[in-house]
C-alpha cells in the first residue's frame, strides 16, 4: 500500500500505479509468503494436534492472504474512489520524516562504523554461547500463575501436605495371564517404591505411595499378634496366597483398587507435585527402563497417569517443534540464498539468526524456560525477520545490481525506500504483542515480552547490522561503474 500510494501520487493513474506496485513488490511478497508459510507448515508434523493445526491452517491462511492481495485488493482499489496525495511543487529538497531520519541514521551508522557494529553482533553470539548451557526445556503450569494467585497457593499447599496431586500409576502385568503377585514380584515392587522415594540423582520429589504390599504387610502383622517385626512380606508363596484370600474375603474393594481380580496385574500409585512435568516424565521413564530388565519372564512394567501423559505429550511436542525449527530455518536460508548472491545471502542468514539468538540469551539470563508458549516466539518472529530482510534485499538488488549504485549508496536508497515500512511493521507487531505483558499469567507475559524484544532487535539487525556487514564484506566495484547521489 505504501508503494501504491507513492506511485499513485506521482502518476495520478490508479491502473498504472497498481501495475508498477505489482512489478516492484510482487516477487518480494511471493518469497515472503513462501518463507512464512514454510515456517508455519513445519509445525504441521508435530504430534500435538493443536500445534499441528496452528501450523497447517496458519500456513494456508498465509497463502490465501497472498492470493487475495494480488486479486481482490487491486479490484477494490479500482472500484473505491481514492484521491491521490497532493505533492507540493518545490525545487527545494523535501524534508524527511522523523521515522525516515531514524532509519537512515541507523544505516549510516552501520556504514560509517562497520567494525564497531560487527563487534556488537559478535558480542551477541558470545553472549548466546555463554548463556546456552542455562537454557532449559520445562513445563511448569503452576508457575504460570503469580506467587500470590489463590489457585497457585492452594496447589502448593496440597503438594506440601500430600507430596503431590498428580497421580502416576506403575502397572506390573503378567502377559501370560498368570498370577503376578508372588514374593519375587512383591520384593521388586518394594525396590521400585524405594527407588522412587529416594531417587539416586534427586531430580524429582515424590509424595504418598500406595501398593498391594501395604495390605500384605498389615495382614502379615495381624496374623502374628501385631508384632512390629512382622510388618513385612510372608515367608512363603503359600502363606502369601492365604493372606490374599483373607483380604479378599474382608476388604476386596480395597484390594481390587490396587490389583486386578485374578491377580494378573497390580499397580503402584504415586503422588507427584506440580513441578516440571518434563522432568517428572524423564524420571519415570528412567524408572521404567531401570526395572524392566529385572522383571521375571513374561512380566511387563508400564507407567501411566496424568503426569505421565502430560509429560509425554509436551516432551514429544517440544522435540518435534525443535526439529521443525531446524527444517524451517534451513529451507528459509536456502530461499534467501536463491534470491541473492551467495555473499549477501550468507550475511542475511547471520543477520536473521542474531535476533533469535539474542532472545534465547535473554531467556537464559531471566530464567525463562523453553515451553509451549516461548517456543512459538521463534516461529512468529522468524517469519517477520525473514520477510523484512527479503524486502530489503530486493530493494538493495534493484539499486546495487540493476542501477549500479555503490554498495553504500544502494544501502541508503534501500533504507529510504523501505525503512519506514520496516519500522511500522516492527511497531505494529511489537506493540501488539507487548499488550500481553499486562497479563496476570507469567507465561503470557513472557511471550509478549520476548516477541517485542525480538521484533526490536530484528529492526536494528536489518537497518544497522546488515549495512555494516555488507560494507565490510560486500562486493567492490570500480569507480567508473558506480553512480552516486547527493
Protein backbone atom coordinates (compact mmCIF):
# COMPACT_ATOMS: atom_id res chain seq x y z
CA UNK A 1 0.00 0.00 0.00
CA UNK A 2 2.87 2.38 0.74
CA UNK A 3 4.33 1.83 -2.73
CA UNK A 4 0.89 2.11 -4.36
CA UNK A 5 0.06 5.48 -2.82
CA UNK A 6 3.54 6.77 -3.68
CA UNK A 7 3.11 5.76 -7.33
CA UNK A 8 -0.50 6.97 -7.40
CA UNK A 9 0.61 10.38 -6.16
CA UNK A 10 3.24 10.53 -8.90
CA UNK A 11 1.11 9.39 -11.89
CA UNK A 12 -2.47 10.22 -10.80
CA UNK A 13 -3.38 6.93 -12.52
CA UNK A 14 -4.59 4.05 -10.37
CA UNK A 15 -4.17 1.34 -13.00
CA UNK A 16 -0.58 2.36 -13.75
CA UNK A 17 0.16 2.64 -10.02
CA UNK A 18 -1.18 -0.91 -9.41
CA UNK A 19 0.89 -2.34 -12.28
CA UNK A 20 4.10 -0.64 -11.09
CA UNK A 21 3.43 -1.69 -7.49
CA UNK A 22 2.99 -5.32 -8.55
CA UNK A 23 6.17 -5.22 -10.65
CA UNK A 24 8.14 -3.69 -7.79
CA UNK A 25 6.84 -5.75 -4.85
CA UNK A 26 5.35 -8.91 -6.40
CA UNK A 27 8.44 -11.12 -6.25
CA UNK A 28 9.35 -10.00 -2.73
CA UNK A 29 5.83 -10.64 -1.45
CA UNK A 30 5.81 -14.05 -3.14
CA UNK A 31 9.08 -15.02 -1.45
CA UNK A 32 7.97 -13.72 1.96
CA UNK A 33 4.77 -15.75 1.59
CA UNK A 34 6.80 -18.86 0.82
CA UNK A 35 9.15 -18.35 3.78
CA UNK A 36 6.38 -17.56 6.28
CA UNK A 37 4.20 -20.44 5.09
CA UNK A 38 7.21 -22.78 5.23
CA UNK A 39 7.87 -21.82 8.84
CA UNK A 40 4.25 -22.47 9.82
CA UNK A 41 3.80 -25.66 7.78
CA UNK A 42 6.83 -27.13 9.54
CA UNK A 43 4.70 -27.32 12.73
CA UNK A 44 2.09 -29.43 10.95
CA UNK A 45 4.23 -32.51 11.65
CA UNK A 46 4.22 -32.16 15.46
CA UNK A 47 2.49 -34.87 17.50
CA UNK A 48 0.23 -32.45 19.38
CA UNK A 49 -2.94 -31.66 17.34
CA UNK A 50 -3.42 -28.01 18.50
CA UNK A 51 0.11 -27.06 17.39
CA UNK A 52 -0.21 -29.12 14.19
CA UNK A 53 -3.49 -27.37 13.33
CA UNK A 54 -1.89 -23.98 14.06
CA UNK A 55 0.89 -24.77 11.57
CA UNK A 56 -1.44 -26.22 8.94
CA UNK A 57 -4.18 -23.59 8.94
CA UNK A 58 -1.75 -20.75 9.66
CA UNK A 59 0.22 -21.68 6.53
CA UNK A 60 -2.98 -21.97 4.49
CA UNK A 61 -4.05 -18.55 5.76
CA UNK A 62 -0.75 -17.01 4.61
CA UNK A 63 -1.20 -18.45 1.10
CA UNK A 64 -4.82 -17.25 0.91
CA UNK A 65 -3.75 -13.77 2.07
CA UNK A 66 -1.17 -13.64 -0.75
CA UNK A 67 -3.78 -14.63 -3.35
CA UNK A 68 -6.27 -12.03 -2.09
CA UNK A 69 -3.57 -9.33 -2.03
CA UNK A 70 -3.00 -9.68 -5.77
CA UNK A 71 -6.59 -10.40 -6.79
CA UNK A 72 -9.15 -8.80 -4.51
CA UNK A 73 -7.14 -5.77 -3.39
CA UNK A 74 -6.41 -4.40 -6.91
CA UNK A 75 -10.10 -4.83 -7.75
CA UNK A 76 -11.17 -2.91 -4.64
CA UNK A 77 -8.63 -0.17 -5.32
CA UNK A 78 -10.07 0.29 -8.81
CA UNK A 79 -13.64 0.41 -7.50
CA UNK A 80 -13.15 2.62 -4.45
CA UNK A 81 -12.71 6.32 -5.07
CA UNK A 82 -9.30 7.38 -3.79
CA UNK A 83 -7.76 10.80 -4.05
CA UNK A 84 -4.00 10.93 -4.56
CA UNK A 85 -1.87 12.77 -2.05
CA UNK A 86 -1.04 16.24 -3.25
CA UNK A 87 2.67 16.77 -3.76
CA UNK A 88 3.92 20.29 -3.27
CA UNK A 89 5.80 21.52 -6.29
CA UNK A 90 9.09 22.79 -4.97
CA UNK A 91 12.69 22.70 -6.14
CA UNK A 92 13.88 22.52 -2.56
CA UNK A 93 14.95 19.21 -1.13
CA UNK A 94 11.95 17.55 0.54
CA UNK A 95 12.37 17.11 4.28
CA UNK A 96 12.36 13.58 5.67
CA UNK A 97 10.01 12.41 8.40
CA UNK A 98 11.32 11.55 11.85
CA UNK A 99 10.93 7.83 11.12
CA UNK A 100 12.89 8.16 7.86
CA UNK A 101 15.64 10.04 9.66
CA UNK A 102 15.88 7.38 12.38
CA UNK A 103 16.14 4.58 9.82
CA UNK A 104 18.68 6.43 7.66
CA UNK A 105 20.78 7.37 10.68
CA UNK A 106 20.93 3.73 11.76
CA UNK A 107 22.03 2.67 8.28
CA UNK A 108 24.56 5.50 8.12
CA UNK A 109 25.97 4.44 11.48
CA UNK A 110 26.42 0.90 10.20
CA UNK A 111 28.14 2.20 7.06
CA UNK A 112 30.44 4.62 8.87
CA UNK A 113 31.37 2.31 11.77
CA UNK A 114 31.01 -1.20 10.38
CA UNK A 115 33.67 -2.80 12.57
CA UNK A 116 32.16 -1.46 15.79
CA UNK A 117 28.68 -2.63 14.81
CA UNK A 118 30.01 -6.03 13.69
CA UNK A 119 31.74 -6.44 17.05
CA UNK A 120 28.39 -5.78 18.77
CA UNK A 121 26.85 -8.56 16.68
CA UNK A 122 29.73 -10.84 17.61
CA UNK A 123 29.11 -9.93 21.26
CA UNK A 124 25.53 -11.22 20.95
CA UNK A 125 26.84 -14.53 19.62
CA UNK A 126 29.32 -14.77 22.51
CA UNK A 127 26.51 -13.92 24.97
CA UNK A 128 24.37 -16.68 23.50
CA UNK A 129 27.18 -19.22 23.70
CA UNK A 130 27.85 -18.34 27.34
CA UNK A 131 24.14 -18.45 28.25
CA UNK A 132 23.29 -21.54 26.20
CA UNK A 133 24.08 -24.08 29.00
CA UNK A 134 21.44 -22.40 31.20
CA UNK A 135 18.65 -22.76 28.63
CA UNK A 136 16.21 -25.46 29.64
CA UNK A 137 13.08 -27.14 28.39
CA UNK A 138 10.38 -27.05 31.04
CA UNK A 139 6.65 -27.24 31.55
CA UNK A 140 5.60 -25.96 34.99
CA UNK A 141 1.96 -24.94 34.68
CA UNK A 142 1.70 -23.87 38.32
CA UNK A 143 4.40 -21.23 37.83
CA UNK A 144 2.36 -19.67 35.04
CA UNK A 145 0.42 -18.02 37.86
CA UNK A 146 1.82 -15.32 40.13
CA UNK A 147 3.01 -16.47 43.59
CA UNK A 148 0.05 -14.71 45.22
CA UNK A 149 -2.58 -16.24 42.91
CA UNK A 150 -5.11 -18.22 45.03
CA UNK A 151 -5.01 -21.22 42.68
CA UNK A 152 -1.23 -21.48 42.87
CA UNK A 153 -1.28 -21.02 46.64
CA UNK A 154 -3.85 -23.82 47.06
CA UNK A 155 -1.97 -26.22 44.76
CA UNK A 156 1.29 -25.60 46.60
CA UNK A 157 -0.43 -26.25 49.95
CA UNK A 158 -1.83 -29.55 48.65
CA UNK A 159 1.58 -30.57 47.33
CA UNK A 160 3.21 -29.68 50.63
CA UNK A 161 0.67 -31.66 52.65
CA UNK A 162 0.26 -34.71 50.40
CA UNK A 163 3.51 -34.67 48.48
CA UNK A 164 1.69 -34.04 45.21
CA UNK A 165 -1.66 -34.10 43.45
CA UNK A 166 -0.71 -35.69 40.11
CA UNK A 167 -1.28 -39.47 40.22
CA UNK A 168 1.19 -41.77 38.48
CA UNK A 169 0.40 -45.49 38.10
CA UNK A 170 3.18 -48.06 37.72
CA UNK A 171 1.41 -51.12 36.33
CA UNK A 172 3.03 -54.55 36.56
CA UNK A 173 1.28 -57.20 34.45
CA UNK A 174 1.80 -60.86 33.59
CA UNK A 175 1.31 -61.03 29.82
CA UNK A 176 0.54 -64.77 30.04
CA UNK A 177 -2.44 -64.05 32.36
CA UNK A 178 -0.83 -65.90 35.21
CA UNK A 179 -0.64 -64.77 38.81
CA UNK A 180 1.78 -61.84 39.09
CA UNK A 181 1.60 -61.31 42.84
CA UNK A 182 4.42 -63.53 44.04
CA UNK A 183 7.13 -62.96 46.62
CA UNK A 184 9.64 -62.30 43.83
CA UNK A 185 7.43 -59.65 42.24
CA UNK A 186 6.45 -58.06 45.56
CA UNK A 187 10.10 -57.66 46.51
CA UNK A 188 10.67 -55.91 43.20
CA UNK A 189 7.67 -53.66 43.89
CA UNK A 190 9.24 -52.59 47.17
CA UNK A 191 12.52 -51.90 45.37
CA UNK A 192 10.65 -49.69 42.90
CA UNK A 193 8.94 -47.80 45.72
CA UNK A 194 12.23 -47.16 47.48
CA UNK A 195 13.87 -46.08 44.22
CA UNK A 196 11.06 -43.60 43.56
CA UNK A 197 11.03 -42.34 47.15
CA UNK A 198 14.81 -41.81 47.25
CA UNK A 199 15.96 -41.30 43.63
CA UNK A 200 19.73 -41.58 43.14
CA UNK A 201 20.04 -38.25 41.33
CA UNK A 202 17.49 -36.37 43.48
CA UNK A 203 15.98 -34.91 40.30
CA UNK A 204 12.35 -35.08 41.49
CA UNK A 205 10.43 -35.24 44.74
CA UNK A 206 7.56 -37.73 45.08
CA UNK A 207 4.79 -37.91 47.63
CA UNK A 208 2.49 -40.54 49.09
CA UNK A 209 2.51 -44.07 47.68
CA UNK A 210 0.08 -46.97 47.72
CA UNK A 211 0.62 -50.56 46.66
CA UNK A 212 -0.69 -54.05 47.40
CA UNK A 213 2.37 -54.65 49.57
CA UNK A 214 0.92 -52.25 52.18
CA UNK A 215 -2.09 -54.54 52.66
CA UNK A 216 0.07 -57.66 52.75
CA UNK A 217 2.35 -56.08 55.38
CA UNK A 218 -0.66 -55.23 57.56
CA UNK A 219 -2.25 -58.67 57.14
CA UNK A 220 1.01 -60.47 57.91
CA UNK A 221 1.49 -58.36 61.05
CA UNK A 222 -2.09 -59.04 62.18
CA UNK A 223 -1.57 -62.79 61.81
CA UNK A 224 1.49 -62.56 64.07
CA UNK A 225 -0.09 -60.86 67.09
CA UNK A 226 0.52 -57.39 65.61
CA UNK A 227 4.23 -57.62 66.27
CA UNK A 228 6.07 -54.77 64.50
CA UNK A 229 8.81 -57.18 63.45
CA UNK A 230 6.31 -58.97 61.19
CA UNK A 231 5.32 -55.84 59.27
CA UNK A 232 6.87 -57.43 56.20
CA UNK A 233 6.27 -59.93 53.43
CA UNK A 234 5.32 -63.50 54.43
CA UNK A 235 7.94 -66.23 54.35
CA UNK A 236 6.47 -68.28 51.52
CA UNK A 237 4.18 -68.03 48.49
CA UNK A 238 1.71 -70.40 50.14
CA UNK A 239 1.33 -68.08 53.13
CA UNK A 240 1.05 -65.15 50.72
CA UNK A 241 -1.87 -66.87 48.94
CA UNK A 242 -3.64 -67.44 52.26
CA UNK A 243 -3.24 -63.81 53.29
CA UNK A 244 -4.57 -62.62 49.94
CA UNK A 245 -7.59 -64.91 50.36
CA UNK A 246 -8.30 -63.48 53.82
CA UNK A 247 -8.06 -59.95 52.47
CA UNK A 248 -10.35 -60.78 49.52
CA UNK A 249 -12.97 -62.09 51.95
CA UNK A 250 -12.78 -58.97 54.10
CA UNK A 251 -11.88 -55.88 52.01
CA UNK A 252 -11.95 -56.95 48.39
CA UNK A 253 -12.80 -53.42 47.15
CA UNK A 254 -9.59 -52.01 48.65
CA UNK A 255 -7.58 -54.90 47.24
CA UNK A 256 -9.07 -54.66 43.75
CA UNK A 257 -8.25 -50.96 43.69
CA UNK A 258 -4.59 -51.97 43.52
CA UNK A 259 -4.77 -55.41 41.90
CA UNK A 260 -6.84 -56.95 39.14
CA UNK A 261 -9.16 -59.84 40.12
CA UNK A 262 -7.19 -62.99 39.49
CA UNK A 263 -4.02 -61.05 40.32
CA UNK A 264 -2.82 -60.93 36.71
CA UNK A 265 -1.71 -57.33 37.27
CA UNK A 266 -1.11 -54.89 40.10
CA UNK A 267 -0.18 -51.24 40.33
CA UNK A 268 1.74 -48.77 42.45
CA UNK A 269 0.09 -45.36 42.91
CA UNK A 270 2.45 -42.43 43.43
CA UNK A 271 1.57 -38.80 44.05
CA UNK A 272 3.79 -36.26 42.30
CA UNK A 273 3.82 -32.48 42.88
CA UNK A 274 3.06 -29.89 40.18
CA UNK A 275 6.69 -29.40 39.34
CA UNK A 276 8.30 -29.62 35.93
CA UNK A 277 6.29 -32.28 34.09
CA UNK A 278 9.11 -32.84 31.61
CA UNK A 279 11.49 -33.64 34.46
CA UNK A 280 8.93 -35.95 36.09
CA UNK A 281 8.33 -37.72 32.79
CA UNK A 282 12.06 -38.24 32.24
CA UNK A 283 12.44 -39.67 35.76
CA UNK A 284 9.56 -42.11 35.34
CA UNK A 285 10.98 -43.30 32.02
CA UNK A 286 14.24 -43.87 33.87
CA UNK A 287 12.39 -45.98 36.48
CA UNK A 288 10.67 -47.99 33.75
CA UNK A 289 13.94 -48.68 31.93
CA UNK A 290 15.84 -49.48 35.14
CA UNK A 291 13.44 -52.16 36.40
CA UNK A 292 12.29 -53.64 33.10
CA UNK A 293 15.39 -55.83 32.91
CA UNK A 294 14.84 -57.11 36.47
CA UNK A 295 11.32 -58.44 35.93
CA UNK A 296 10.69 -62.18 35.55
CA UNK A 297 9.96 -63.56 32.08
CA UNK A 298 6.50 -62.71 30.82
CA UNK A 299 6.06 -59.79 33.26
CA UNK A 300 5.92 -56.19 31.94
CA UNK A 301 6.04 -52.75 33.52
CA UNK A 302 4.20 -49.70 32.19
CA UNK A 303 3.88 -46.26 33.72
CA UNK A 304 0.82 -44.10 33.08
CA UNK A 305 -1.26 -41.39 34.74
CA UNK A 306 -1.96 -37.67 34.33
CA UNK A 307 1.60 -36.50 34.92
CA UNK A 308 2.99 -39.19 32.60
CA UNK A 309 0.57 -38.48 29.76
CA UNK A 310 1.03 -34.70 30.01
CA UNK A 311 4.80 -35.04 30.24
CA UNK A 312 4.91 -37.37 27.25
CA UNK A 313 2.74 -35.03 25.18
CA UNK A 314 4.86 -31.96 25.89
CA UNK A 315 8.14 -33.84 25.59
CA UNK A 316 7.11 -35.11 22.16
CA UNK A 317 5.81 -31.69 21.12
CA UNK A 318 8.94 -29.79 22.14
CA UNK A 319 11.14 -32.35 20.45
CA UNK A 320 9.25 -32.21 17.16
CA UNK A 321 8.99 -28.42 17.35
CA UNK A 322 12.77 -28.22 17.68
CA UNK A 323 13.15 -30.35 14.56
CA UNK A 324 10.55 -28.18 12.80
CA UNK A 325 12.57 -25.07 13.64
CA UNK A 326 15.70 -26.59 12.16
CA UNK A 327 13.89 -27.65 8.98
CA UNK A 328 12.22 -24.24 8.61
CA UNK A 329 15.48 -22.35 9.17
CA UNK A 330 17.33 -24.49 6.61
CA UNK A 331 14.59 -24.10 3.97
CA UNK A 332 14.28 -20.36 4.56
CA UNK A 333 18.07 -19.98 4.37
CA UNK A 334 18.09 -21.77 1.01
CA UNK A 335 15.35 -19.44 -0.26
CA UNK A 336 17.34 -16.38 0.84
CA UNK A 337 20.40 -17.71 -0.99
CA UNK A 338 18.26 -18.33 -4.07
CA UNK A 339 17.14 -14.69 -4.38
CA UNK A 340 20.54 -13.08 -3.80
CA UNK A 341 24.25 -13.60 -4.26
CA UNK A 342 25.96 -16.14 -2.04
CA UNK A 343 27.76 -13.42 -0.08
CA UNK A 344 24.68 -11.27 0.57
CA UNK A 345 22.61 -14.37 1.30
CA UNK A 346 25.04 -15.68 3.92
CA UNK A 347 25.20 -12.26 5.57
CA UNK A 348 21.39 -12.10 5.61
CA UNK A 349 21.20 -15.54 7.27
CA UNK A 350 23.55 -14.37 10.04
CA UNK A 351 21.55 -11.18 10.49
CA UNK A 352 18.26 -13.12 10.71
CA UNK A 353 19.69 -15.52 13.28
CA UNK A 354 21.02 -12.85 15.66
CA UNK A 355 17.62 -11.56 16.97
CA UNK A 356 16.60 -15.14 17.79
CA UNK A 357 19.95 -15.80 19.50
CA UNK A 358 19.60 -12.57 21.49
CA UNK A 359 16.14 -13.60 22.68
CA UNK A 360 17.39 -17.06 23.71
CA UNK A 361 20.21 -15.39 25.65
CA UNK A 362 17.68 -13.10 27.35
CA UNK A 363 15.57 -16.12 28.29
CA UNK A 364 18.60 -17.76 29.85
CA UNK A 365 19.53 -14.64 31.83
CA UNK A 366 15.94 -14.14 33.06
CA UNK A 367 15.49 -17.90 33.72
CA UNK A 368 12.56 -18.14 31.29
CA UNK A 369 12.20 -21.78 30.20
CA UNK A 370 11.54 -23.06 26.69
CA UNK A 371 7.93 -24.24 26.89
CA UNK A 372 4.91 -24.44 24.62
CA UNK A 373 4.47 -20.64 24.64
CA UNK A 374 8.04 -19.42 24.37
CA UNK A 375 8.78 -21.96 21.61
CA UNK A 376 6.18 -20.16 19.46
CA UNK A 377 8.13 -16.88 19.66
CA UNK A 378 10.69 -18.16 17.17
CA UNK A 379 8.09 -19.28 14.61
CA UNK A 380 6.32 -15.94 14.72
CA UNK A 381 9.42 -13.78 14.64
CA UNK A 382 11.36 -15.91 12.14
CA UNK A 383 8.69 -15.05 9.58
CA UNK A 384 8.74 -11.33 10.40
CA UNK A 385 12.55 -11.11 10.43
CA UNK A 386 12.99 -13.01 7.17
CA UNK A 387 10.19 -11.10 5.44
CA UNK A 388 11.80 -7.77 6.31
CA UNK A 389 15.18 -9.00 5.09
CA UNK A 390 13.76 -10.23 1.78
CA UNK A 391 12.14 -6.85 1.09
CA UNK A 392 15.39 -5.11 1.99
CA UNK A 393 17.46 -7.43 -0.23
CA UNK A 394 15.11 -6.85 -3.17
CA UNK A 395 15.49 -3.08 -2.83
CA UNK A 396 19.25 -3.44 -2.47
CA UNK A 397 19.49 -5.58 -5.61
CA UNK A 398 17.48 -3.02 -7.52
CA UNK A 399 19.86 -0.19 -6.75
CA UNK A 400 23.17 -2.04 -6.49
CA UNK A 401 22.97 -4.67 -9.23
CA UNK A 402 20.46 -3.22 -11.71
CA UNK A 403 21.24 0.50 -11.47
CA UNK A 404 24.91 0.10 -10.50
CA UNK A 405 24.98 2.33 -7.43
CA UNK A 406 27.80 1.78 -4.96
CA UNK A 407 27.03 -0.55 -2.06
CA UNK A 408 26.89 2.28 0.49
CA UNK A 409 24.66 4.39 -1.75
CA UNK A 410 22.41 1.44 -2.54
CA UNK A 411 22.05 0.73 1.18
CA UNK A 412 20.95 4.30 1.84
CA UNK A 413 18.47 4.26 -1.05
CA UNK A 414 17.06 0.90 0.06
CA UNK A 415 16.61 2.20 3.60
CA UNK A 416 14.98 5.39 2.28
CA UNK A 417 12.52 3.29 0.24
CA UNK A 418 11.63 0.60 2.75
CA UNK A 419 12.90 1.78 6.13
CA UNK A 420 9.58 3.33 7.11
CA UNK A 421 7.70 0.13 6.22
CA UNK A 422 10.10 -1.95 8.33
CA UNK A 423 9.76 0.49 11.22
CA UNK A 424 5.96 0.44 11.27
CA UNK A 425 5.82 -3.34 10.75
CA UNK A 426 8.02 -3.71 13.81
CA UNK A 427 5.95 -1.18 15.76
CA UNK A 428 2.65 -2.90 14.94
CA UNK A 429 3.91 -6.41 15.73
CA UNK A 430 5.93 -5.36 18.77
CA UNK A 431 3.31 -3.14 20.40
CA UNK A 432 0.55 -5.62 19.58
CA UNK A 433 2.33 -8.42 21.44
CA UNK A 434 3.59 -6.10 24.17
CA UNK A 435 0.00 -5.82 25.41
CA UNK A 436 0.42 -9.42 26.59
CA UNK A 437 2.90 -8.10 29.14
CA UNK A 438 -0.07 -6.85 31.18
CA UNK A 439 -1.44 -10.38 31.60
CA UNK A 440 -1.61 -11.99 35.05
CA UNK A 441 -0.28 -15.24 33.58
CA UNK A 442 3.51 -15.34 33.69
CA UNK A 443 3.81 -17.44 30.52
CA UNK A 444 1.71 -14.95 28.52
CA UNK A 445 3.73 -12.06 29.99
CA UNK A 446 7.00 -13.72 28.93
CA UNK A 447 5.59 -14.48 25.48
CA UNK A 448 4.65 -10.84 24.85
CA UNK A 449 7.94 -9.52 26.21
CA UNK A 450 10.04 -11.90 24.11
CA UNK A 451 8.17 -11.18 20.87
CA UNK A 452 8.55 -7.42 21.45
CA UNK A 453 12.27 -7.79 22.19
CA UNK A 454 12.85 -9.96 19.12
CA UNK A 455 10.95 -7.52 16.89
CA UNK A 456 13.03 -4.54 18.07
CA UNK A 457 16.29 -6.47 17.69
CA UNK A 458 15.26 -7.57 14.20
CA UNK A 459 14.75 -3.94 13.15
CA UNK A 460 18.21 -2.98 14.43
CA UNK A 461 19.69 -6.04 12.72
CA UNK A 462 18.20 -5.10 9.34
CA UNK A 463 18.93 -1.37 9.45
CA UNK A 464 22.20 -1.35 11.41
CA UNK A 465 23.99 -4.70 11.36
CA UNK A 466 23.11 -5.69 7.78
CA UNK A 467 24.55 -2.48 6.27
CA UNK A 468 27.64 -2.78 8.48
CA UNK A 469 28.38 -6.35 7.35
CA UNK A 470 27.72 -5.50 3.70
CA UNK A 471 30.06 -2.52 3.99
CA UNK A 472 32.77 -4.79 5.36
CA UNK A 473 32.25 -7.80 3.09
CA UNK A 474 30.09 -6.52 0.20
CA UNK A 475 31.04 -6.50 -3.44
CA UNK A 476 33.57 -3.92 -4.55
CA UNK A 477 33.15 -2.03 -7.83
CA UNK A 478 35.43 0.22 -9.81
CA UNK A 479 34.63 3.97 -9.61
CA UNK A 480 33.74 4.06 -13.30
CA UNK A 481 30.90 1.62 -12.79
CA UNK A 482 29.40 3.44 -9.81
CA UNK A 483 26.78 6.18 -9.72
CA UNK A 484 26.38 8.40 -6.69
CA UNK A 485 23.64 10.52 -5.21
CA UNK A 486 23.62 13.78 -3.30
